[in-house]
N, C-alpha and C. Protein backbone atom coordinates (compact mmCIF):
# COMPACT_ATOMS: atom_id res chain seq x y z
N MET A 1 0.85 -1.19 0.00
CA MET A 1 0.00 0.00 0.00
C MET A 1 0.89 1.25 0.00
N ASN A 2 0.71 2.11 -1.02
CA ASN A 2 1.55 3.30 -1.09
C ASN A 2 1.07 4.37 -0.12
N GLN A 3 1.88 5.42 0.00
CA GLN A 3 1.59 6.44 1.00
C GLN A 3 0.31 7.21 0.69
N SER A 4 0.07 7.50 -0.59
CA SER A 4 -1.13 8.25 -0.96
C SER A 4 -2.40 7.50 -0.56
N LEU A 5 -2.40 6.19 -0.80
CA LEU A 5 -3.57 5.38 -0.43
C LEU A 5 -3.73 5.33 1.08
N ARG A 6 -2.64 5.27 1.80
CA ARG A 6 -2.72 5.26 3.27
C ARG A 6 -3.28 6.57 3.79
N ILE A 7 -2.84 7.70 3.20
CA ILE A 7 -3.36 9.00 3.62
C ILE A 7 -4.85 9.11 3.33
N LEU A 8 -5.26 8.66 2.13
CA LEU A 8 -6.67 8.71 1.75
C LEU A 8 -7.51 7.84 2.68
N THR A 9 -7.02 6.66 2.99
CA THR A 9 -7.77 5.76 3.88
C THR A 9 -7.85 6.33 5.29
N ALA A 10 -6.75 6.93 5.76
CA ALA A 10 -6.75 7.54 7.09
C ALA A 10 -7.74 8.69 7.16
N ALA A 11 -7.81 9.50 6.08
CA ALA A 11 -8.79 10.60 6.04
C ALA A 11 -10.21 10.05 6.04
N LEU A 12 -10.43 8.95 5.32
CA LEU A 12 -11.77 8.34 5.30
C LEU A 12 -12.14 7.79 6.67
N VAL A 13 -11.18 7.16 7.34
CA VAL A 13 -11.44 6.66 8.70
C VAL A 13 -11.79 7.81 9.63
N THR A 14 -11.04 8.90 9.53
CA THR A 14 -11.31 10.07 10.37
C THR A 14 -12.70 10.62 10.10
N PHE A 15 -13.08 10.71 8.83
CA PHE A 15 -14.40 11.25 8.48
C PHE A 15 -15.52 10.37 9.01
N VAL A 16 -15.38 9.07 8.83
CA VAL A 16 -16.44 8.14 9.28
C VAL A 16 -16.59 8.18 10.79
N VAL A 17 -15.46 8.06 11.49
CA VAL A 17 -15.51 8.07 12.97
C VAL A 17 -15.98 9.42 13.48
N GLY A 18 -15.51 10.50 12.86
CA GLY A 18 -15.94 11.85 13.27
C GLY A 18 -17.42 12.06 13.04
N SER A 19 -17.95 11.60 11.91
CA SER A 19 -19.38 11.73 11.62
C SER A 19 -20.21 10.98 12.66
N TYR A 20 -19.74 9.80 13.03
CA TYR A 20 -20.46 9.04 14.05
C TYR A 20 -20.45 9.78 15.39
N LEU A 21 -19.29 10.32 15.77
CA LEU A 21 -19.19 11.04 17.04
C LEU A 21 -20.07 12.29 17.04
N VAL A 22 -20.11 13.00 15.91
CA VAL A 22 -20.97 14.18 15.81
C VAL A 22 -22.43 13.78 15.93
N TYR A 23 -22.81 12.72 15.24
CA TYR A 23 -24.19 12.23 15.32
C TYR A 23 -24.56 11.86 16.75
N ASP A 24 -23.64 11.16 17.42
CA ASP A 24 -23.89 10.76 18.81
C ASP A 24 -23.99 11.97 19.72
N THR A 25 -23.14 12.99 19.48
CA THR A 25 -23.19 14.21 20.29
C THR A 25 -24.52 14.94 20.11
N ILE A 26 -24.99 15.02 18.86
CA ILE A 26 -26.26 15.69 18.58
C ILE A 26 -27.42 14.93 19.22
N GLN A 27 -27.39 13.61 19.15
CA GLN A 27 -28.46 12.82 19.72
C GLN A 27 -28.52 12.96 21.24
N GLN A 28 -27.36 13.01 21.88
CA GLN A 28 -27.33 13.13 23.34
C GLN A 28 -27.64 14.56 23.80
N ASN A 29 -27.41 15.53 22.90
CA ASN A 29 -27.66 16.94 23.22
C ASN A 29 -26.97 17.32 24.53
N SER A 30 -25.68 17.04 24.58
CA SER A 30 -24.90 17.26 25.80
C SER A 30 -24.77 18.74 26.10
N PRO A 31 -24.45 19.10 27.37
CA PRO A 31 -24.26 20.51 27.72
C PRO A 31 -23.18 21.19 26.88
N ALA A 32 -22.11 20.46 26.59
CA ALA A 32 -21.05 21.04 25.77
C ALA A 32 -21.56 21.39 24.38
N TYR A 33 -22.44 20.56 23.82
CA TYR A 33 -23.00 20.84 22.50
C TYR A 33 -23.98 22.02 22.55
N ARG A 34 -24.76 22.12 23.62
CA ARG A 34 -25.72 23.22 23.74
C ARG A 34 -25.00 24.56 23.91
N VAL A 35 -23.88 24.57 24.67
CA VAL A 35 -23.17 25.81 24.94
C VAL A 35 -22.30 26.21 23.74
N HIS A 36 -21.55 25.26 23.21
CA HIS A 36 -20.63 25.54 22.09
C HIS A 36 -20.80 24.45 21.03
N PRO A 37 -21.85 24.53 20.22
CA PRO A 37 -22.08 23.46 19.22
C PRO A 37 -20.95 23.31 18.21
N ALA A 38 -20.43 24.45 17.73
CA ALA A 38 -19.36 24.38 16.73
C ALA A 38 -18.11 23.73 17.33
N VAL A 39 -17.77 24.11 18.55
CA VAL A 39 -16.60 23.55 19.22
C VAL A 39 -16.79 22.06 19.47
N ALA A 40 -18.03 21.66 19.82
CA ALA A 40 -18.30 20.24 20.05
C ALA A 40 -18.10 19.42 18.78
N VAL A 41 -18.51 19.98 17.65
CA VAL A 41 -18.33 19.28 16.37
C VAL A 41 -16.84 19.17 16.03
N ILE A 42 -16.12 20.30 16.20
CA ILE A 42 -14.67 20.28 15.93
C ILE A 42 -13.97 19.29 16.85
N THR A 43 -14.39 19.26 18.11
CA THR A 43 -13.78 18.34 19.07
C THR A 43 -14.01 16.89 18.66
N ALA A 44 -15.22 16.60 18.15
CA ALA A 44 -15.52 15.23 17.72
C ALA A 44 -14.60 14.81 16.59
N PHE A 45 -14.41 15.70 15.61
CA PHE A 45 -13.54 15.35 14.50
C PHE A 45 -12.07 15.33 14.93
N TRP A 46 -11.71 16.17 15.90
CA TRP A 46 -10.36 16.15 16.42
C TRP A 46 -10.06 14.81 17.10
N GLY A 47 -11.03 14.34 17.89
CA GLY A 47 -10.86 13.03 18.50
C GLY A 47 -10.80 11.91 17.47
N ALA A 48 -11.62 12.05 16.41
CA ALA A 48 -11.62 11.04 15.36
C ALA A 48 -10.32 11.02 14.59
N SER A 49 -9.64 12.17 14.54
CA SER A 49 -8.37 12.21 13.81
C SER A 49 -7.33 11.29 14.44
N LEU A 50 -7.49 11.01 15.74
CA LEU A 50 -6.56 10.09 16.40
C LEU A 50 -6.67 8.69 15.79
N SER A 51 -7.90 8.28 15.47
CA SER A 51 -8.07 6.97 14.84
C SER A 51 -7.42 6.95 13.46
N GLY A 52 -7.54 8.07 12.72
CA GLY A 52 -6.89 8.15 11.42
C GLY A 52 -5.37 8.09 11.54
N LEU A 53 -4.83 8.78 12.55
CA LEU A 53 -3.38 8.76 12.76
C LEU A 53 -2.90 7.37 13.16
N ILE A 54 -3.70 6.70 14.00
CA ILE A 54 -3.33 5.34 14.40
C ILE A 54 -3.29 4.43 13.19
N TYR A 55 -4.30 4.57 12.30
CA TYR A 55 -4.30 3.74 11.10
C TYR A 55 -3.10 4.07 10.21
N TYR A 56 -2.82 5.37 10.02
CA TYR A 56 -1.75 5.78 9.12
C TYR A 56 -0.40 5.24 9.59
N PHE A 57 -0.07 5.48 10.86
CA PHE A 57 1.24 5.06 11.36
C PHE A 57 1.30 3.55 11.54
N GLY A 58 0.15 2.94 11.91
CA GLY A 58 0.14 1.48 12.04
C GLY A 58 0.34 0.79 10.71
N SER A 59 -0.36 1.27 9.67
CA SER A 59 -0.18 0.68 8.35
C SER A 59 1.22 0.95 7.82
N GLY A 60 1.80 2.11 8.14
CA GLY A 60 3.17 2.40 7.73
C GLY A 60 4.15 1.45 8.38
N TRP A 61 3.90 1.13 9.65
CA TRP A 61 4.77 0.19 10.35
C TRP A 61 4.70 -1.19 9.71
N LEU A 62 3.48 -1.60 9.33
CA LEU A 62 3.33 -2.90 8.68
C LEU A 62 4.03 -2.93 7.32
N VAL A 63 3.92 -1.82 6.59
CA VAL A 63 4.58 -1.76 5.28
C VAL A 63 6.09 -1.86 5.44
N ARG A 64 6.62 -1.15 6.44
CA ARG A 64 8.07 -1.21 6.67
C ARG A 64 8.50 -2.60 7.10
N ARG A 65 7.66 -3.28 7.87
CA ARG A 65 7.99 -4.64 8.28
C ARG A 65 8.05 -5.59 7.10
N LYS A 66 7.14 -5.37 6.14
CA LYS A 66 7.09 -6.26 4.97
C LYS A 66 8.23 -5.99 4.01
N THR A 67 8.61 -4.71 3.89
CA THR A 67 9.62 -4.35 2.91
C THR A 67 11.03 -4.32 3.48
N LYS A 68 11.15 -4.48 4.80
CA LYS A 68 12.47 -4.40 5.43
C LYS A 68 13.32 -5.58 4.98
N GLY A 69 14.52 -5.25 4.54
CA GLY A 69 15.41 -6.31 4.07
C GLY A 69 16.09 -7.01 5.23
N GLY A 70 16.46 -8.25 5.01
CA GLY A 70 17.22 -8.99 6.00
C GLY A 70 16.43 -9.40 7.21
N ASN A 71 15.17 -9.77 7.07
CA ASN A 71 14.39 -10.25 8.20
C ASN A 71 14.69 -11.72 8.41
N PRO A 72 15.14 -12.11 9.60
CA PRO A 72 15.50 -13.51 9.82
C PRO A 72 14.35 -14.47 9.59
N LYS A 73 13.11 -14.01 9.72
CA LYS A 73 11.97 -14.89 9.60
C LYS A 73 11.67 -15.28 8.15
N ASP A 74 12.24 -14.56 7.18
CA ASP A 74 11.88 -14.86 5.80
C ASP A 74 12.68 -16.01 5.21
N GLY A 75 13.65 -16.55 5.95
CA GLY A 75 14.39 -17.72 5.50
C GLY A 75 15.59 -17.43 4.63
N LYS A 76 15.72 -16.22 4.09
CA LYS A 76 16.83 -15.92 3.19
C LYS A 76 18.17 -15.98 3.92
N LEU A 77 18.20 -15.44 5.11
CA LEU A 77 19.45 -15.43 5.84
C LEU A 77 19.84 -16.84 6.28
N TYR A 78 18.85 -17.65 6.61
CA TYR A 78 19.15 -19.03 6.98
C TYR A 78 19.71 -19.81 5.79
N ASN A 79 19.20 -19.51 4.61
CA ASN A 79 19.74 -20.15 3.41
C ASN A 79 21.20 -19.76 3.19
N GLN A 80 21.51 -18.49 3.45
CA GLN A 80 22.89 -18.02 3.29
C GLN A 80 23.81 -18.71 4.28
N VAL A 81 23.36 -18.85 5.53
CA VAL A 81 24.18 -19.51 6.54
C VAL A 81 24.34 -21.00 6.23
N ALA A 82 23.26 -21.61 5.73
CA ALA A 82 23.35 -23.02 5.35
C ALA A 82 24.39 -23.22 4.24
N SER A 83 24.42 -22.28 3.30
CA SER A 83 25.42 -22.35 2.23
C SER A 83 26.84 -22.20 2.79
N GLU A 84 27.00 -21.32 3.78
CA GLU A 84 28.31 -21.15 4.42
C GLU A 84 28.75 -22.43 5.12
N LEU A 85 27.81 -23.08 5.80
CA LEU A 85 28.14 -24.32 6.49
C LEU A 85 28.49 -25.42 5.49
N GLN A 86 27.76 -25.45 4.39
CA GLN A 86 28.01 -26.48 3.38
C GLN A 86 29.38 -26.28 2.71
N ASN A 87 29.71 -25.02 2.44
CA ASN A 87 30.98 -24.71 1.78
C ASN A 87 32.13 -24.52 2.75
N LYS A 88 31.81 -24.65 4.06
CA LYS A 88 32.83 -24.50 5.12
C LYS A 88 33.52 -23.14 5.07
N THR A 89 32.74 -22.11 4.78
CA THR A 89 33.27 -20.74 4.78
C THR A 89 32.75 -20.02 6.03
N LEU A 90 33.06 -20.59 7.17
CA LEU A 90 32.56 -20.04 8.42
C LEU A 90 33.40 -18.84 8.86
N ILE A 91 32.80 -18.01 9.71
CA ILE A 91 33.52 -16.89 10.33
C ILE A 91 34.27 -17.46 11.54
N PRO A 92 35.60 -17.44 11.52
CA PRO A 92 36.37 -18.13 12.58
C PRO A 92 36.01 -17.66 13.98
N GLY A 93 35.98 -16.34 14.19
CA GLY A 93 35.70 -15.83 15.53
C GLY A 93 34.31 -16.20 16.00
N LEU A 94 33.33 -16.17 15.12
CA LEU A 94 31.96 -16.50 15.49
C LEU A 94 31.82 -17.99 15.79
N TRP A 95 32.52 -18.82 14.98
CA TRP A 95 32.47 -20.25 15.24
C TRP A 95 33.14 -20.59 16.58
N THR A 96 34.23 -19.92 16.89
CA THR A 96 34.90 -20.15 18.17
C THR A 96 33.98 -19.80 19.34
N LYS A 97 33.28 -18.69 19.21
CA LYS A 97 32.33 -18.29 20.26
C LYS A 97 31.24 -19.34 20.43
N ALA A 98 30.67 -19.80 19.30
CA ALA A 98 29.61 -20.80 19.37
C ALA A 98 30.14 -22.11 19.97
N PHE A 99 31.35 -22.52 19.58
CA PHE A 99 31.95 -23.76 20.07
C PHE A 99 32.20 -23.68 21.57
N ALA A 100 32.64 -22.50 22.03
CA ALA A 100 32.92 -22.32 23.46
C ALA A 100 31.63 -22.37 24.26
N GLU A 101 30.57 -21.70 23.77
CA GLU A 101 29.30 -21.69 24.51
C GLU A 101 28.62 -23.05 24.48
N ALA A 102 28.95 -23.87 23.48
CA ALA A 102 28.38 -25.22 23.40
C ALA A 102 29.19 -26.24 24.18
N ASN A 103 30.25 -25.77 24.86
CA ASN A 103 31.11 -26.65 25.67
C ASN A 103 31.69 -27.80 24.84
N GLY A 104 32.05 -27.47 23.60
CA GLY A 104 32.71 -28.46 22.77
C GLY A 104 31.79 -29.40 22.03
N ASP A 105 30.47 -29.27 22.23
CA ASP A 105 29.50 -30.11 21.51
C ASP A 105 29.35 -29.56 20.10
N ASP A 106 29.76 -30.37 19.10
CA ASP A 106 29.78 -29.88 17.73
C ASP A 106 28.38 -29.56 17.21
N ALA A 107 27.40 -30.41 17.53
CA ALA A 107 26.02 -30.19 17.05
C ALA A 107 25.44 -28.91 17.64
N LYS A 108 25.62 -28.71 18.95
CA LYS A 108 25.13 -27.49 19.59
C LYS A 108 25.88 -26.27 19.07
N ALA A 109 27.17 -26.45 18.79
CA ALA A 109 27.96 -25.33 18.28
C ALA A 109 27.45 -24.89 16.91
N ARG A 110 27.07 -25.85 16.08
CA ARG A 110 26.53 -25.51 14.75
C ARG A 110 25.21 -24.75 14.89
N ALA A 111 24.37 -25.20 15.84
CA ALA A 111 23.09 -24.52 16.06
C ALA A 111 23.30 -23.09 16.57
N LEU A 112 24.25 -22.94 17.51
CA LEU A 112 24.55 -21.61 18.02
C LEU A 112 25.17 -20.73 16.93
N TYR A 113 26.01 -21.32 16.11
CA TYR A 113 26.63 -20.54 15.03
C TYR A 113 25.56 -20.01 14.07
N ILE A 114 24.61 -20.87 13.74
CA ILE A 114 23.52 -20.43 12.85
C ILE A 114 22.78 -19.25 13.47
N LYS A 115 22.48 -19.35 14.76
CA LYS A 115 21.77 -18.28 15.45
C LYS A 115 22.58 -16.99 15.45
N PHE A 116 23.86 -17.10 15.82
CA PHE A 116 24.72 -15.91 15.89
C PHE A 116 24.93 -15.30 14.50
N ARG A 117 25.15 -16.16 13.49
CA ARG A 117 25.45 -15.66 12.15
C ARG A 117 24.23 -15.00 11.52
N VAL A 118 23.05 -15.57 11.74
CA VAL A 118 21.81 -14.96 11.20
C VAL A 118 21.60 -13.59 11.83
N GLN A 119 21.81 -13.50 13.14
CA GLN A 119 21.65 -12.21 13.81
C GLN A 119 22.67 -11.20 13.30
N GLN A 120 23.90 -11.67 13.05
CA GLN A 120 24.94 -10.78 12.54
C GLN A 120 24.57 -10.26 11.15
N LEU A 121 24.09 -11.15 10.28
CA LEU A 121 23.69 -10.74 8.93
C LEU A 121 22.50 -9.78 9.00
N TYR A 122 21.60 -10.04 9.93
CA TYR A 122 20.43 -9.16 10.09
C TYR A 122 20.87 -7.77 10.52
N ASP A 123 21.77 -7.69 11.49
CA ASP A 123 22.26 -6.39 11.96
C ASP A 123 22.99 -5.64 10.84
N GLU A 124 23.77 -6.38 10.06
CA GLU A 124 24.47 -5.74 8.94
C GLU A 124 23.48 -5.20 7.91
N ALA A 125 22.40 -5.96 7.67
CA ALA A 125 21.39 -5.50 6.71
C ALA A 125 20.70 -4.24 7.20
N GLN A 126 20.40 -4.18 8.50
CA GLN A 126 19.75 -3.00 9.06
C GLN A 126 20.66 -1.78 9.01
N THR A 127 21.95 -1.99 9.28
CA THR A 127 22.92 -0.90 9.19
C THR A 127 23.03 -0.39 7.76
N ARG A 128 23.02 -1.32 6.82
CA ARG A 128 23.11 -0.94 5.40
C ARG A 128 21.86 -0.17 4.96
N ILE A 129 20.70 -0.61 5.43
CA ILE A 129 19.46 0.09 5.08
C ILE A 129 19.46 1.50 5.66
N ALA A 130 19.89 1.63 6.93
CA ALA A 130 19.93 2.95 7.57
C ALA A 130 20.93 3.87 6.86
N ARG A 131 22.09 3.31 6.46
CA ARG A 131 23.09 4.12 5.76
C ARG A 131 22.57 4.57 4.39
N ASP A 132 21.93 3.65 3.67
CA ASP A 132 21.38 4.01 2.36
C ASP A 132 20.29 5.06 2.48
N LYS A 133 19.48 4.93 3.51
CA LYS A 133 18.41 5.91 3.72
C LYS A 133 19.00 7.28 4.02
N PHE A 134 20.03 7.31 4.86
CA PHE A 134 20.67 8.58 5.20
C PHE A 134 21.33 9.20 3.97
N GLU A 135 22.03 8.40 3.18
CA GLU A 135 22.69 8.92 1.99
C GLU A 135 21.67 9.43 0.97
N ARG A 136 20.55 8.71 0.84
CA ARG A 136 19.51 9.15 -0.09
C ARG A 136 18.88 10.47 0.37
N ARG A 137 18.66 10.60 1.68
CA ARG A 137 18.10 11.84 2.21
C ARG A 137 19.06 13.01 2.02
N GLU A 138 20.36 12.75 2.24
CA GLU A 138 21.35 13.81 2.06
C GLU A 138 21.47 14.21 0.59
N ALA A 139 21.35 13.22 -0.30
CA ALA A 139 21.41 13.53 -1.73
C ALA A 139 20.20 14.35 -2.16
N GLU A 140 19.04 14.00 -1.63
CA GLU A 140 17.83 14.77 -1.96
C GLU A 140 17.94 16.20 -1.43
N ARG A 141 18.51 16.34 -0.23
CA ARG A 141 18.67 17.68 0.34
C ARG A 141 19.66 18.51 -0.47
N ALA A 142 20.74 17.86 -0.93
CA ALA A 142 21.74 18.59 -1.73
C ALA A 142 21.19 18.98 -3.09
N ALA A 143 20.25 18.16 -3.61
CA ALA A 143 19.69 18.45 -4.94
C ALA A 143 18.64 19.55 -4.90
N GLN A 144 18.13 19.86 -3.71
CA GLN A 144 17.12 20.91 -3.60
C GLN A 144 17.75 22.28 -3.86
N PRO A 145 17.07 23.11 -4.63
CA PRO A 145 17.63 24.44 -4.91
C PRO A 145 17.59 25.33 -3.67
N ARG A 146 18.56 26.21 -3.58
CA ARG A 146 18.61 27.15 -2.48
C ARG A 146 17.47 28.15 -2.61
N LEU A 147 16.86 28.47 -1.48
CA LEU A 147 15.76 29.43 -1.50
C LEU A 147 16.30 30.84 -1.70
N SER A 148 15.54 31.62 -2.42
CA SER A 148 15.93 33.02 -2.61
C SER A 148 15.73 33.79 -1.30
N ARG A 149 16.31 34.98 -1.24
CA ARG A 149 16.18 35.79 -0.02
C ARG A 149 14.73 36.15 0.24
N THR A 150 13.99 36.43 -0.84
CA THR A 150 12.58 36.78 -0.67
C THR A 150 11.79 35.62 -0.09
N THR A 151 12.05 34.41 -0.62
CA THR A 151 11.34 33.24 -0.13
C THR A 151 11.73 32.92 1.30
N ARG A 152 12.99 33.08 1.62
CA ARG A 152 13.45 32.83 2.99
C ARG A 152 12.81 33.82 3.96
N PHE A 153 12.72 35.09 3.54
CA PHE A 153 12.09 36.10 4.40
C PHE A 153 10.61 35.79 4.59
N ALA A 154 9.95 35.37 3.49
CA ALA A 154 8.53 35.03 3.58
C ALA A 154 8.31 33.85 4.52
N ASN A 155 9.19 32.83 4.45
CA ASN A 155 9.08 31.69 5.35
C ASN A 155 9.33 32.11 6.79
N PHE A 156 10.31 32.99 6.98
CA PHE A 156 10.59 33.47 8.33
C PHE A 156 9.41 34.24 8.90
N LEU A 157 8.82 35.13 8.08
CA LEU A 157 7.69 35.93 8.54
C LEU A 157 6.48 35.07 8.84
N LEU A 158 6.18 34.12 7.93
CA LEU A 158 5.04 33.23 8.14
C LEU A 158 5.25 32.35 9.37
N GLY A 159 6.47 31.85 9.53
CA GLY A 159 6.76 31.03 10.69
C GLY A 159 6.64 31.80 11.99
N ALA A 160 7.10 33.06 11.97
CA ALA A 160 7.02 33.88 13.18
C ALA A 160 5.56 34.17 13.54
N ILE A 161 4.75 34.49 12.53
CA ILE A 161 3.33 34.78 12.79
C ILE A 161 2.61 33.55 13.31
N CYS A 162 2.84 32.41 12.64
CA CYS A 162 2.17 31.19 13.07
C CYS A 162 2.66 30.75 14.45
N GLY A 163 3.95 30.96 14.73
CA GLY A 163 4.46 30.63 16.06
C GLY A 163 3.82 31.49 17.13
N LEU A 164 3.62 32.77 16.82
CA LEU A 164 2.96 33.68 17.76
C LEU A 164 1.51 33.27 17.98
N LEU A 165 0.82 32.92 16.90
CA LEU A 165 -0.57 32.48 17.02
C LEU A 165 -0.67 31.19 17.83
N THR A 166 0.28 30.29 17.63
CA THR A 166 0.29 29.06 18.43
C THR A 166 0.45 29.37 19.91
N PHE A 167 1.35 30.30 20.21
CA PHE A 167 1.58 30.70 21.60
C PHE A 167 0.32 31.33 22.20
N LEU A 168 -0.35 32.19 21.42
CA LEU A 168 -1.57 32.84 21.92
C LEU A 168 -2.69 31.83 22.14
N LEU A 169 -2.79 30.85 21.25
CA LEU A 169 -3.83 29.83 21.42
C LEU A 169 -3.56 28.98 22.66
N ILE A 170 -2.29 28.70 22.92
CA ILE A 170 -1.95 27.94 24.13
C ILE A 170 -2.30 28.75 25.37
N LEU A 171 -2.01 30.06 25.32
CA LEU A 171 -2.40 30.93 26.44
C LEU A 171 -3.92 30.95 26.60
N GLY A 172 -4.64 30.95 25.46
CA GLY A 172 -6.10 30.91 25.51
C GLY A 172 -6.60 29.64 26.17
N MET A 173 -5.99 28.51 25.85
CA MET A 173 -6.39 27.24 26.47
C MET A 173 -6.14 27.27 27.97
N ILE A 174 -5.00 27.85 28.37
CA ILE A 174 -4.71 27.96 29.80
C ILE A 174 -5.72 28.89 30.47
N GLY A 175 -6.07 29.98 29.77
CA GLY A 175 -7.06 30.91 30.32
C GLY A 175 -8.41 30.26 30.51
N VAL A 176 -8.85 29.47 29.54
CA VAL A 176 -10.13 28.76 29.66
C VAL A 176 -10.09 27.79 30.82
N LEU A 177 -8.93 27.15 31.00
CA LEU A 177 -8.81 26.15 32.06
C LEU A 177 -8.91 26.76 33.45
N VAL A 178 -8.33 27.94 33.64
CA VAL A 178 -8.30 28.54 34.99
C VAL A 178 -9.43 29.54 35.22
N ASP A 179 -10.22 29.83 34.18
CA ASP A 179 -11.30 30.81 34.31
C ASP A 179 -12.50 30.20 35.06
N ASP A 180 -12.88 30.83 36.16
CA ASP A 180 -14.03 30.38 36.96
C ASP A 180 -15.09 31.47 37.06
N SER A 181 -15.09 32.41 36.13
CA SER A 181 -16.01 33.54 36.21
C SER A 181 -17.45 33.14 35.90
N ASP A 182 -17.65 32.11 35.10
CA ASP A 182 -19.01 31.68 34.74
C ASP A 182 -19.36 30.43 35.53
N PRO A 183 -20.23 30.55 36.55
CA PRO A 183 -20.57 29.37 37.37
C PRO A 183 -21.37 28.32 36.62
N ASN A 184 -22.02 28.71 35.51
CA ASN A 184 -22.83 27.76 34.75
C ASN A 184 -22.03 26.94 33.75
N GLU A 185 -20.77 27.32 33.57
CA GLU A 185 -19.94 26.61 32.59
C GLU A 185 -19.47 25.29 33.18
N THR A 186 -19.75 24.21 32.47
CA THR A 186 -19.40 22.88 32.96
C THR A 186 -17.98 22.51 32.55
N ALA A 187 -17.49 21.46 33.20
CA ALA A 187 -16.15 20.97 32.85
C ALA A 187 -16.13 20.42 31.43
N GLU A 188 -17.26 19.84 30.99
CA GLU A 188 -17.33 19.31 29.63
C GLU A 188 -17.22 20.42 28.59
N SER A 189 -17.91 21.55 28.84
CA SER A 189 -17.83 22.65 27.88
C SER A 189 -16.43 23.24 27.85
N LYS A 190 -15.77 23.31 29.02
CA LYS A 190 -14.39 23.80 29.06
C LYS A 190 -13.48 22.89 28.25
N LEU A 191 -13.67 21.59 28.46
CA LEU A 191 -12.86 20.63 27.72
C LEU A 191 -13.11 20.75 26.22
N GLY A 192 -14.36 20.99 25.86
CA GLY A 192 -14.68 21.15 24.44
C GLY A 192 -13.99 22.35 23.84
N VAL A 193 -13.99 23.47 24.57
CA VAL A 193 -13.32 24.68 24.07
C VAL A 193 -11.81 24.45 23.95
N ILE A 194 -11.23 23.80 24.95
CA ILE A 194 -9.78 23.56 24.93
C ILE A 194 -9.40 22.67 23.75
N LEU A 195 -10.16 21.58 23.56
CA LEU A 195 -9.87 20.69 22.44
C LEU A 195 -10.12 21.37 21.10
N GLY A 196 -11.13 22.26 21.07
CA GLY A 196 -11.37 23.01 19.85
C GLY A 196 -10.23 23.95 19.51
N LEU A 197 -9.63 24.55 20.53
CA LEU A 197 -8.48 25.43 20.31
C LEU A 197 -7.23 24.63 19.94
N CYS A 198 -7.20 23.36 20.30
CA CYS A 198 -6.05 22.53 19.97
C CYS A 198 -5.90 22.36 18.46
N VAL A 199 -7.02 22.34 17.74
CA VAL A 199 -6.97 22.12 16.30
C VAL A 199 -6.20 23.22 15.58
N PRO A 200 -6.61 24.52 15.74
CA PRO A 200 -5.81 25.56 15.07
C PRO A 200 -4.40 25.68 15.65
N ALA A 201 -4.24 25.41 16.96
CA ALA A 201 -2.90 25.48 17.55
C ALA A 201 -1.98 24.45 16.90
N PHE A 202 -2.51 23.26 16.69
CA PHE A 202 -1.72 22.22 16.03
C PHE A 202 -1.40 22.63 14.59
N GLY A 203 -2.40 23.20 13.88
CA GLY A 203 -2.18 23.62 12.50
C GLY A 203 -1.13 24.70 12.39
N PHE A 204 -1.22 25.73 13.22
CA PHE A 204 -0.23 26.81 13.19
C PHE A 204 1.15 26.30 13.61
N GLY A 205 1.18 25.39 14.59
CA GLY A 205 2.46 24.81 15.00
C GLY A 205 3.11 24.01 13.88
N TRP A 206 2.28 23.29 13.13
CA TRP A 206 2.81 22.50 12.00
C TRP A 206 3.37 23.42 10.92
N ILE A 207 2.68 24.53 10.64
CA ILE A 207 3.17 25.49 9.65
C ILE A 207 4.48 26.11 10.11
N THR A 208 4.57 26.42 11.41
CA THR A 208 5.81 26.96 11.96
C THR A 208 6.96 25.98 11.78
N TYR A 209 6.68 24.72 12.03
CA TYR A 209 7.71 23.68 11.89
C TYR A 209 8.17 23.57 10.44
N LYS A 210 7.23 23.59 9.47
CA LYS A 210 7.58 23.47 8.08
C LYS A 210 8.39 24.69 7.61
N CYS A 211 8.03 25.87 8.08
CA CYS A 211 8.79 27.07 7.73
C CYS A 211 10.21 27.00 8.29
N GLU A 212 10.33 26.50 9.51
CA GLU A 212 11.66 26.37 10.12
C GLU A 212 12.52 25.37 9.36
N ARG A 213 11.89 24.28 8.88
CA ARG A 213 12.62 23.30 8.08
C ARG A 213 13.06 23.90 6.75
N ALA A 214 12.19 24.72 6.15
CA ALA A 214 12.52 25.34 4.87
C ALA A 214 13.70 26.31 5.02
N LEU A 215 13.81 26.98 6.16
CA LEU A 215 14.91 27.92 6.38
C LEU A 215 16.25 27.22 6.54
N ARG A 216 16.23 25.92 6.78
CA ARG A 216 17.49 25.17 6.93
C ARG A 216 18.16 24.87 5.59
N ARG A 217 17.45 25.05 4.50
CA ARG A 217 18.04 24.75 3.20
C ARG A 217 19.22 25.68 2.89
């Protein structure tokens, strides 16, 4: 499953779960919905977005597990070690370690050698994958064109504004949390307002992060 399909599916999961939560909120006619209906709807979809994120990252983890090279469970590494044993091209130091831990038992030493050698090949494969990934990322970064001064200034200005808005929204959430001026305001309505403010705060924070990354070019 490619990334675009995972994003689309995660958005669909968020929409379905959010629609159900909104419907349930309307049916219950909770105090939070009566006081701040728009915030209650936003909060429902914000909560539903967690299910979409869980699906997105969970499916990504499964994809990485399937495509990861050098997994001992797929049998390829065991075939390589079997070939080494057959051709007697063993790693001397590793065989000595296995022989010592087997207390001189040749059959146990062979079993331990297979275990140690497979793990060694697996670790080497993971190191190679990490190195290739790093080199590919560095090559992509080097291939990216340098931003012009105007673009860099625009990113700096946008990042500063969004960072300020994020800070103000966080202050607003703290203010809602500590405000006791309205005795009729319930804890549920407060929570709804806070979660509703989390959505734009997260959005502005994400824009600030992207602008900061762009300035590193």
